Amino acid sequence: MSESLLIGSWNFKSDQVHQYAFLHNFLSKEECKKVIKKGKELKLKKATTNGGIERPIRWLFRRATDSITHLNNKYFNFNITGLHEGFQFTNYKPPGGKYGRHTDRCFNIGIRKLSVSIQLTDPKKYEGGDLKLYNGGEEDASLMDKSQGTLIIFPSFIMHEVMPVTKGHRNSLVTWVTGPSFK
């Protein structure tokens, strides 16, 4: 057993960084279908924490940049510089298509500050596949909205996972927003 005594404290500024933010209807159903078609035309490979659709969809990069900048300014206020890794298209399929618990910070690559996930598939077309964010233990986990076309953004140091898909296919786009070192 240990004991502690708080002698006093003085906060400089309270933490204003949110755990996540989202934007419904970032993409329309038709735009989601276009992106899925384009993603499937590319040769799919085992998912990693980098790589993907480099720049075949310019309109998507422009819209993502504007939305990410707005959400960052409102909810995170990080010093960011861009989307230097492109989009990663991922197709999760049963049995057990998932992405285990992890953070998106990696050694010896650009400094990832924000992670972005775009829900491409209508949630009525698959089961499971929830994006789950952890803010501490299991009791503090949050399941993200699965609405088609929703953009979800969160700090890259947040532990998260994609739960196993049990039926149908789930498609998503992810990217990472980089910037200078945290200070």
C-alpha atoms as a PDB file:
ATOM      1  CA  MET A   1       0.000   0.000   0.000  1.00  0.00           C
ATOM      2  CA  SER A   2       1.280   3.436  -0.806  1.00  0.00           C
ATOM      3  CA  GLU A   3       0.162   6.820   0.368  1.00  0.00           C
ATOM      4  CA  SER A   4       0.554  10.196  -1.227  1.00  0.00           C
ATOM      5  CA  LEU A   5      -0.177  13.740  -0.293  1.00  0.00           C
ATOM      6  CA  LEU A   6      -0.805  16.506  -2.791  1.00  0.00           C
ATOM      7  CA  ILE A   7       1.103  19.515  -1.547  1.00  0.00           C
ATOM      8  CA  GLY A   8      -0.337  21.935  -4.074  1.00  0.00           C
ATOM      9  CA  SER A   9      -0.704  22.419  -7.762  1.00  0.00           C
ATOM     10  CA  TRP A  10      -0.871  25.152 -10.298  1.00  0.00           C
ATOM     11  CA  ASN A  11      -2.172  24.443 -13.766  1.00  0.00           C
ATOM     12  CA  PHE A  12      -0.669  26.475 -16.590  1.00  0.00           C
ATOM     13  CA  LYS A  13      -3.474  25.555 -18.954  1.00  0.00           C
ATOM     14  CA  SER A  14      -6.007  22.733 -18.981  1.00  0.00           C
ATOM     15  CA  ASP A  15      -5.799  20.012 -21.641  1.00  0.00           C
ATOM     16  CA  GLN A  16      -8.090  20.889 -24.538  1.00  0.00           C
ATOM     17  CA  VAL A  17      -7.207  17.943 -26.814  1.00  0.00           C
ATOM     18  CA  HIS A  18     -10.281  15.836 -27.557  1.00  0.00           C
ATOM     19  CA  GLN A  19     -10.118  12.051 -27.885  1.00  0.00           C
ATOM     20  CA  TYR A  20     -11.748  12.150 -31.317  1.00  0.00           C
ATOM     21  CA  ALA A  21     -13.935  14.180 -33.668  1.00  0.00           C
ATOM     22  CA  PHE A  22     -16.075  13.188 -36.628  1.00  0.00           C
ATOM     23  CA  LEU A  23     -17.796  14.604 -39.646  1.00  0.00           C
ATOM     24  CA  HIS A  24     -20.976  12.920 -40.901  1.00  0.00           C
ATOM     25  CA  ASN A  25     -21.583  12.880 -44.665  1.00  0.00           C
ATOM     26  CA  PHE A  26     -17.961  13.686 -45.484  1.00  0.00           C
ATOM     27  CA  LEU A  27     -18.578  11.507 -48.559  1.00  0.00           C
ATOM     28  CA  SER A  28     -21.907  10.755 -50.231  1.00  0.00           C
ATOM     29  CA  LYS A  29     -22.977   7.150 -50.891  1.00  0.00           C
ATOM     30  CA  GLU A  30     -22.077   7.636 -54.568  1.00  0.00           C
ATOM     31  CA  GLU A  31     -18.627   8.980 -53.684  1.00  0.00           C
ATOM     32  CA  CYS A  32     -18.054   6.041 -51.319  1.00  0.00           C
ATOM     33  CA  LYS A  33     -18.905   3.647 -54.163  1.00  0.00           C
ATOM     34  CA  LYS A  34     -16.421   5.445 -56.452  1.00  0.00           C
ATOM     35  CA  VAL A  35     -13.654   5.209 -53.858  1.00  0.00           C
ATOM     36  CA  ILE A  36     -14.374   1.503 -53.192  1.00  0.00           C
ATOM     37  CA  LYS A  37     -14.260   0.804 -56.943  1.00  0.00           C
ATOM     38  CA  LYS A  38     -10.941   2.669 -57.274  1.00  0.00           C
ATOM     39  CA  GLY A  39      -9.532   0.917 -54.189  1.00  0.00           C
ATOM     40  CA  LYS A  40     -10.466  -2.528 -55.514  1.00  0.00           C
ATOM     41  CA  GLU A  41      -8.891  -1.740 -58.895  1.00  0.00           C
ATOM     42  CA  LEU A  42      -5.569  -1.386 -57.118  1.00  0.00           C
ATOM     43  CA  LYS A  43      -3.803  -4.553 -56.076  1.00  0.00           C
ATOM     44  CA  LEU A  44      -4.699  -5.185 -52.428  1.00  0.00           C
ATOM     45  CA  LYS A  45      -1.910  -6.326 -50.122  1.00  0.00           C
ATOM     46  CA  LYS A  46      -1.628  -7.122 -46.440  1.00  0.00           C
ATOM     47  CA  ALA A  47      -2.342  -3.950 -44.442  1.00  0.00           C
ATOM     48  CA  THR A  48       0.555  -2.156 -42.801  1.00  0.00           C
ATOM     49  CA  THR A  49       0.819   1.113 -40.929  1.00  0.00           C
ATOM     50  CA  ASN A  50       1.878   2.969 -44.071  1.00  0.00           C
ATOM     51  CA  GLY A  51       1.337   2.958 -47.822  1.00  0.00           C
ATOM     52  CA  GLY A  52      -1.746   2.886 -50.010  1.00  0.00           C
ATOM     53  CA  ILE A  53      -3.545   5.045 -52.550  1.00  0.00           C
ATOM     54  CA  GLU A  54      -0.930   7.702 -53.267  1.00  0.00           C
ATOM     55  CA  ARG A  55      -2.820  10.405 -55.185  1.00  0.00           C
ATOM     56  CA  PRO A  56      -5.276   9.014 -57.760  1.00  0.00           C
ATOM     57  CA  ILE A  57      -8.236  10.900 -56.296  1.00  0.00           C
ATOM     58  CA  ARG A  58      -7.279  14.598 -56.159  1.00  0.00           C
ATOM     59  CA  TRP A  59     -10.762  15.843 -55.212  1.00  0.00           C
ATOM     60  CA  LEU A  60     -10.652  13.588 -52.139  1.00  0.00           C
ATOM     61  CA  PHE A  61      -7.301  15.011 -50.996  1.00  0.00           C
ATOM     62  CA  ARG A  62      -8.594  18.577 -51.368  1.00  0.00           C
ATOM     63  CA  ARG A  63     -11.777  17.863 -49.405  1.00  0.00           C
ATOM     64  CA  ALA A  64      -9.906  15.856 -46.749  1.00  0.00           C
ATOM     65  CA  THR A  65      -7.353  18.645 -46.305  1.00  0.00           C
ATOM     66  CA  ASP A  66     -10.065  21.246 -45.752  1.00  0.00           C
ATOM     67  CA  SER A  67     -12.069  19.060 -43.327  1.00  0.00           C
ATOM     68  CA  ILE A  68      -9.018  17.872 -41.384  1.00  0.00           C
ATOM     69  CA  THR A  69      -7.730  21.439 -41.008  1.00  0.00           C
ATOM     70  CA  HIS A  70     -11.136  22.578 -39.720  1.00  0.00           C
ATOM     71  CA  LEU A  71     -11.467  19.661 -37.245  1.00  0.00           C
ATOM     72  CA  ASN A  72      -7.861  20.045 -36.063  1.00  0.00           C
ATOM     73  CA  ASN A  73      -8.350  23.756 -35.372  1.00  0.00           C
ATOM     74  CA  LYS A  74     -11.576  23.105 -33.473  1.00  0.00           C
ATOM     75  CA  TYR A  75     -10.708  19.961 -31.462  1.00  0.00           C
ATOM     76  CA  PHE A  76      -6.934  19.345 -31.327  1.00  0.00           C
ATOM     77  CA  ASN A  77      -4.984  22.482 -32.270  1.00  0.00           C
ATOM     78  CA  PHE A  78      -1.904  20.474 -33.332  1.00  0.00           C
ATOM     79  CA  ASN A  79       0.816  21.989 -35.495  1.00  0.00           C
ATOM     80  CA  ILE A  80       0.289  19.948 -38.707  1.00  0.00           C
ATOM     81  CA  THR A  81       1.915  20.012 -42.143  1.00  0.00           C
ATOM     82  CA  GLY A  82       0.110  17.545 -44.425  1.00  0.00           C
ATOM     83  CA  LEU A  83      -0.962  14.107 -45.617  1.00  0.00           C
ATOM     84  CA  HIS A  84       2.453  12.805 -46.636  1.00  0.00           C
ATOM     85  CA  GLU A  85       1.582   9.090 -46.769  1.00  0.00           C
ATOM     86  CA  GLY A  86      -1.462   9.055 -49.059  1.00  0.00           C
ATOM     87  CA  PHE A  87      -4.608   7.059 -48.327  1.00  0.00           C
ATOM     88  CA  GLN A  88      -4.637   3.393 -47.385  1.00  0.00           C
ATOM     89  CA  PHE A  89      -7.674   1.501 -48.720  1.00  0.00           C
ATOM     90  CA  THR A  90      -8.548  -1.506 -46.554  1.00  0.00           C
ATOM     91  CA  ASN A  91     -11.021  -4.312 -47.203  1.00  0.00           C
ATOM     92  CA  TYR A  92     -11.955  -6.274 -44.065  1.00  0.00           C
ATOM     93  CA  LYS A  93     -13.681  -9.603 -44.719  1.00  0.00           C
ATOM     94  CA  PRO A  94     -14.816 -12.560 -42.616  1.00  0.00           C
ATOM     95  CA  PRO A  95     -13.842 -14.615 -40.907  1.00  0.00           C
ATOM     96  CA  GLY A  96     -12.031 -12.296 -38.596  1.00  0.00           C
ATOM     97  CA  GLY A  97     -10.908  -9.430 -40.845  1.00  0.00           C
ATOM     98  CA  LYS A  98      -9.586  -7.030 -38.220  1.00  0.00           C
ATOM     99  CA  TYR A  99      -6.709  -4.783 -37.237  1.00  0.00           C
ATOM    100  CA  GLY A 100      -5.419  -5.503 -33.729  1.00  0.00           C
ATOM    101  CA  ARG A 101      -4.971  -2.948 -30.961  1.00  0.00           C
ATOM    102  CA  HIS A 102      -2.246  -0.422 -31.799  1.00  0.00           C
ATOM    103  CA  THR A 103      -1.250   3.222 -32.028  1.00  0.00           C
ATOM    104  CA  ASP A 104      -0.254   4.895 -35.289  1.00  0.00           C
ATOM    105  CA  ARG A 105       3.015   6.342 -34.010  1.00  0.00           C
ATOM    106  CA  CYS A 106       5.991   4.596 -35.613  1.00  0.00           C
ATOM    107  CA  PHE A 107       9.734   4.879 -35.249  1.00  0.00           C
ATOM    108  CA  ASN A 108      11.711   6.353 -38.144  1.00  0.00           C
ATOM    109  CA  ILE A 109       8.826   7.689 -40.257  1.00  0.00           C
ATOM    110  CA  GLY A 110       7.132  11.108 -40.397  1.00  0.00           C
ATOM    111  CA  ILE A 111       5.704  12.323 -37.110  1.00  0.00           C
ATOM    112  CA  ARG A 112       2.069  11.246 -37.195  1.00  0.00           C
ATOM    113  CA  LYS A 113      -0.121  13.565 -35.180  1.00  0.00           C
ATOM    114  CA  LEU A 114      -3.641  12.719 -36.317  1.00  0.00           C
ATOM    115  CA  SER A 115      -5.148   9.502 -37.670  1.00  0.00           C
ATOM    116  CA  VAL A 116      -8.104   9.660 -40.040  1.00  0.00           C
ATOM    117  CA  SER A 117     -10.561   6.874 -40.882  1.00  0.00           C
ATOM    118  CA  ILE A 118     -13.308   7.218 -43.490  1.00  0.00           C
ATOM    119  CA  GLN A 119     -16.176   4.711 -43.372  1.00  0.00           C
ATOM    120  CA  LEU A 120     -16.909   3.647 -46.966  1.00  0.00           C
ATOM    121  CA  THR A 121     -19.333   0.734 -46.581  1.00  0.00           C
ATOM    122  CA  ASP A 122     -22.997   0.939 -45.606  1.00  0.00           C
ATOM    123  CA  PRO A 123     -23.109  -0.597 -42.085  1.00  0.00           C
ATOM    124  CA  LYS A 124     -26.153  -2.685 -43.126  1.00  0.00           C
ATOM    125  CA  LYS A 125     -23.838  -4.624 -45.478  1.00  0.00           C
ATOM    126  CA  TYR A 126     -21.534  -6.050 -42.786  1.00  0.00           C
ATOM    127  CA  GLU A 127     -21.419  -7.079 -39.131  1.00  0.00           C
ATOM    128  CA  GLY A 128     -18.632  -6.422 -36.644  1.00  0.00           C
ATOM    129  CA  GLY A 129     -15.745  -4.302 -37.877  1.00  0.00           C
ATOM    130  CA  ASP A 130     -16.223  -1.555 -35.278  1.00  0.00           C
ATOM    131  CA  LEU A 131     -13.480   1.038 -34.904  1.00  0.00           C
ATOM    132  CA  LYS A 132     -12.801   1.157 -31.168  1.00  0.00           C
ATOM    133  CA  LEU A 133     -10.738   3.878 -29.443  1.00  0.00           C
ATOM    134  CA  TYR A 134      -9.274   3.496 -25.959  1.00  0.00           C
ATOM    135  CA  ASN A 135      -8.862   6.356 -23.523  1.00  0.00           C
ATOM    136  CA  GLY A 136      -7.352   4.285 -20.757  1.00  0.00           C
ATOM    137  CA  GLY A 137      -8.822   0.876 -19.921  1.00  0.00           C
ATOM    138  CA  GLU A 138     -11.532  -1.224 -21.519  1.00  0.00           C
ATOM    139  CA  GLU A 139     -14.195   0.626 -19.525  1.00  0.00           C
ATOM    140  CA  ASP A 140     -13.185   3.894 -21.237  1.00  0.00           C
ATOM    141  CA  ALA A 141     -13.342   2.542 -24.807  1.00  0.00           C
ATOM    142  CA  SER A 142     -15.509   4.265 -27.412  1.00  0.00           C
ATOM    143  CA  LEU A 143     -17.066   2.669 -30.490  1.00  0.00           C
ATOM    144  CA  MET A 144     -17.011   5.028 -33.453  1.00  0.00           C
ATOM    145  CA  ASP A 145     -19.982   5.818 -35.680  1.00  0.00           C
ATOM    146  CA  LYS A 146     -20.229   3.381 -38.616  1.00  0.00           C
ATOM    147  CA  SER A 147     -22.388   5.585 -40.866  1.00  0.00           C
ATOM    148  CA  GLN A 148     -21.304   5.421 -44.488  1.00  0.00           C
ATOM    149  CA  GLY A 149     -19.298   8.479 -45.511  1.00  0.00           C
ATOM    150  CA  THR A 150     -18.315   9.477 -41.956  1.00  0.00           C
ATOM    151  CA  LEU A 151     -14.806  10.826 -41.373  1.00  0.00           C
ATOM    152  CA  ILE A 152     -13.330  10.089 -37.931  1.00  0.00           C
ATOM    153  CA  ILE A 153     -10.179  11.813 -36.708  1.00  0.00           C
ATOM    154  CA  PHE A 154      -8.177  11.211 -33.531  1.00  0.00           C
ATOM    155  CA  PRO A 155      -4.652  11.765 -32.156  1.00  0.00           C
ATOM    156  CA  SER A 156      -2.283   9.111 -33.509  1.00  0.00           C
ATOM    157  CA  PHE A 157      -1.094   8.244 -29.995  1.00  0.00           C
ATOM    158  CA  ILE A 158      -4.598   6.965 -29.058  1.00  0.00           C
ATOM    159  CA  MET A 159      -4.762   3.172 -28.758  1.00  0.00           C
ATOM    160  CA  HIS A 160      -7.349   1.760 -31.193  1.00  0.00           C
ATOM    161  CA  GLU A 161      -8.383  -1.323 -33.148  1.00  0.00           C
ATOM    162  CA  VAL A 162     -10.833  -2.555 -35.753  1.00  0.00           C
ATOM    163  CA  MET A 163     -12.905  -5.395 -34.299  1.00  0.00           C
ATOM    164  CA  PRO A 164     -13.320  -8.598 -36.382  1.00  0.00           C
ATOM    165  CA  VAL A 165     -15.766  -8.511 -39.275  1.00  0.00           C
ATOM    166  CA  THR A 166     -18.161 -11.444 -38.877  1.00  0.00           C
ATOM    167  CA  LYS A 167     -20.345 -11.002 -41.973  1.00  0.00           C
ATOM    168  CA  GLY A 168     -20.040  -9.077 -45.250  1.00  0.00           C
ATOM    169  CA  HIS A 169     -17.153  -6.760 -46.141  1.00  0.00           C
ATOM    170  CA  ARG A 170     -16.109  -3.452 -44.571  1.00  0.00           C
ATOM    171  CA  ASN A 171     -14.103  -0.985 -46.637  1.00  0.00           C
ATOM    172  CA  SER A 172     -12.360   2.071 -45.260  1.00  0.00           C
ATOM    173  CA  LEU A 173      -9.769   4.668 -46.110  1.00  0.00           C
ATOM    174  CA  VAL A 174      -7.207   5.743 -43.561  1.00  0.00           C
ATOM    175  CA  THR A 175      -4.498   8.361 -43.610  1.00  0.00           C
ATOM    176  CA  TRP A 176      -2.209  10.085 -41.178  1.00  0.00           C
ATOM    177  CA  VAL A 177      -1.610  13.794 -40.703  1.00  0.00           C
ATOM    178  CA  THR A 178       1.995  14.688 -39.977  1.00  0.00           C
ATOM    179  CA  GLY A 179       3.719  17.637 -38.405  1.00  0.00           C
ATOM    180  CA  PRO A 180       6.758  18.727 -36.406  1.00  0.00           C
ATOM    181  CA  SER A 181       7.630  17.089 -33.081  1.00  0.00           C
ATOM    182  CA  PHE A 182       5.280  17.570 -30.157  1.00  0.00           C
ATOM    183  CA  LYS A 183       6.668  20.073 -27.660  1.00  0.00           C
END
